[in-house]
């Protein structure tokens, strides 16, 4: 799938809201070392995620078959097993580790990827103040 059309570019990024609908952030596709990556901008903070995470997360959620807690932790914080955040850094995921690509900014996958998945029509997410879950569509 051509994600540039649906997610946007640096000049025209997609603007999304966090799951609790409390903050805005942007997402776009860019290239790094010859590979497409997702660039997530939160205020002045810039995070990079492996673009393969979109399809890998969707497949994992389909196989899970039910709601899954998103979780959201900084890179240095421990994650709760059974959450999207834990899966996104686990050694047994499809890439064998972190989907976050920028050292010291590899976390928060469970905060920023679910709204993108919802926008792409791949997942349904909850919009509570805390403890949000998601599931594949």
Protein backbone atom coordinates (compact mmCIF):
# COMPACT_ATOMS: atom_id res chain seq x y z
CA UNK A 1 0.00 0.00 0.00
CA UNK A 2 1.20 3.52 -0.74
CA UNK A 3 1.07 5.06 2.72
CA UNK A 4 2.32 8.47 1.54
CA UNK A 5 -1.13 9.16 0.06
CA UNK A 6 -3.02 8.25 3.23
CA UNK A 7 -0.53 9.46 5.85
CA UNK A 8 1.05 12.42 4.14
CA UNK A 9 4.44 13.98 3.65
CA UNK A 10 6.60 16.38 5.64
CA UNK A 11 5.02 19.27 3.73
CA UNK A 12 1.48 17.97 4.26
CA UNK A 13 1.38 15.68 7.33
CA UNK A 14 -1.63 13.92 8.75
CA UNK A 15 -2.84 15.53 11.99
CA UNK A 16 -4.24 13.10 14.56
CA UNK A 17 -5.31 13.15 18.21
CA UNK A 18 -4.06 10.91 20.99
CA UNK A 19 -6.51 8.19 22.09
CA UNK A 20 -7.98 10.32 24.94
CA UNK A 21 -8.51 13.08 22.32
CA UNK A 22 -6.53 15.44 24.56
CA UNK A 23 -3.54 16.31 22.35
CA UNK A 24 -2.71 16.65 18.67
CA UNK A 25 0.31 15.21 16.88
CA UNK A 26 1.26 14.74 13.25
CA UNK A 27 2.39 11.75 11.24
CA UNK A 28 4.00 11.54 7.84
CA UNK A 29 6.05 9.17 5.73
CA UNK A 30 9.66 10.03 5.03
CA UNK A 31 12.75 8.17 3.91
CA UNK A 32 15.78 7.22 5.97
CA UNK A 33 18.68 5.18 4.63
CA UNK A 34 16.62 4.26 1.55
CA UNK A 35 13.65 2.95 3.56
CA UNK A 36 10.24 4.53 4.19
CA UNK A 37 9.66 5.33 7.86
CA UNK A 38 6.86 6.91 9.88
CA UNK A 39 7.71 10.26 11.41
CA UNK A 40 5.60 11.28 14.41
CA UNK A 41 5.90 14.87 15.62
CA UNK A 42 4.62 15.72 19.09
CA UNK A 43 5.31 19.37 19.81
CA UNK A 44 9.07 19.62 19.29
CA UNK A 45 9.67 15.90 19.86
CA UNK A 46 10.20 13.77 16.76
CA UNK A 47 9.78 9.99 16.87
CA UNK A 48 10.52 7.52 14.08
CA UNK A 49 8.75 4.19 13.66
CA UNK A 50 9.33 1.32 11.25
CA UNK A 51 6.60 1.59 8.59
CA UNK A 52 6.22 -2.20 8.58
CA UNK A 53 4.63 -1.80 12.02
CA UNK A 54 1.32 -0.86 10.37
CA UNK A 55 0.85 -4.23 8.69
CA UNK A 56 2.52 -6.20 11.49
CA UNK A 57 0.33 -4.60 14.18
CA UNK A 58 -2.81 -5.20 12.14
CA UNK A 59 -1.93 -8.87 11.65
CA UNK A 60 -1.10 -9.34 15.34
CA UNK A 61 -4.42 -7.74 16.38
CA UNK A 62 -6.32 -9.94 13.93
CA UNK A 63 -4.66 -13.03 15.39
CA UNK A 64 -5.33 -11.77 18.94
CA UNK A 65 -9.02 -11.53 17.97
CA UNK A 66 -10.18 -9.30 20.83
CA UNK A 67 -9.56 -5.95 22.48
CA UNK A 68 -5.97 -5.33 23.61
CA UNK A 69 -4.73 -2.66 26.00
CA UNK A 70 -2.59 -0.13 24.17
CA UNK A 71 -0.22 0.84 26.96
CA UNK A 72 2.16 3.75 26.46
CA UNK A 73 5.59 4.01 28.03
CA UNK A 74 8.79 5.88 27.40
CA UNK A 75 11.66 3.79 26.14
CA UNK A 76 13.26 3.43 29.58
CA UNK A 77 10.04 2.37 31.36
CA UNK A 78 9.01 -1.26 31.70
CA UNK A 79 5.91 -2.33 29.80
CA UNK A 80 3.00 -4.49 30.84
CA UNK A 81 2.82 -7.84 29.04
CA UNK A 82 -0.19 -8.20 26.79
CA UNK A 83 -0.19 -4.55 25.67
CA UNK A 84 0.47 -3.11 22.23
CA UNK A 85 3.41 -1.17 23.70
CA UNK A 86 4.97 -4.38 25.04
CA UNK A 87 4.52 -6.15 21.70
CA UNK A 88 6.16 -3.22 19.84
CA UNK A 89 9.46 -3.82 21.62
CA UNK A 90 9.33 -7.57 22.25
CA UNK A 91 11.98 -9.89 20.86
CA UNK A 92 9.28 -12.20 19.47
CA UNK A 93 7.51 -9.63 17.28
CA UNK A 94 8.03 -9.89 13.49
CA UNK A 95 11.18 -7.71 13.45
CA UNK A 96 12.62 -9.10 16.68
CA UNK A 97 12.53 -5.93 18.76
CA UNK A 98 11.82 -2.21 18.70
CA UNK A 99 9.56 -0.66 16.05
CA UNK A 100 10.77 2.70 17.36
CA UNK A 101 13.88 3.67 15.43
CA UNK A 102 15.35 6.67 17.28
CA UNK A 103 17.45 5.86 20.35
CA UNK A 104 15.93 7.34 23.53
CA UNK A 105 12.69 8.01 21.59
CA UNK A 106 11.64 4.45 20.72
CA UNK A 107 8.70 4.24 23.11
CA UNK A 108 5.15 5.61 23.08
CA UNK A 109 4.18 3.28 20.23
CA UNK A 110 0.95 2.47 22.12
CA UNK A 111 0.02 6.15 22.18
CA UNK A 112 0.74 7.24 18.62
CA UNK A 113 0.25 4.20 16.39
CA UNK A 114 -3.35 3.31 17.38
CA UNK A 115 -4.83 6.62 16.12
CA UNK A 116 -3.00 6.09 12.83
CA UNK A 117 -4.40 2.57 12.60
CA UNK A 118 -7.88 3.96 13.26
CA UNK A 119 -7.43 6.61 10.55
CA UNK A 120 -6.34 3.93 8.06
CA UNK A 121 -9.48 1.88 8.85
CA UNK A 122 -7.43 -1.01 10.23
CA UNK A 123 -8.45 -0.81 13.88
CA UNK A 124 -11.03 0.46 16.30
CA UNK A 125 -9.74 2.27 19.38
CA UNK A 126 -11.27 3.49 22.60
CA UNK A 127 -11.12 7.17 23.56
CA UNK A 128 -11.21 7.06 27.36
CA UNK A 129 -8.98 9.20 29.58
CA UNK A 130 -6.88 6.12 30.51
CA UNK A 131 -6.44 2.41 29.81
CA UNK A 132 -7.58 2.51 26.19
CA UNK A 133 -7.81 -0.61 24.12
CA UNK A 134 -7.80 -1.38 20.41
CA UNK A 135 -8.83 -4.21 18.12
CA UNK A 136 -8.44 -5.03 14.45
CA UNK A 137 -11.14 -4.27 11.93
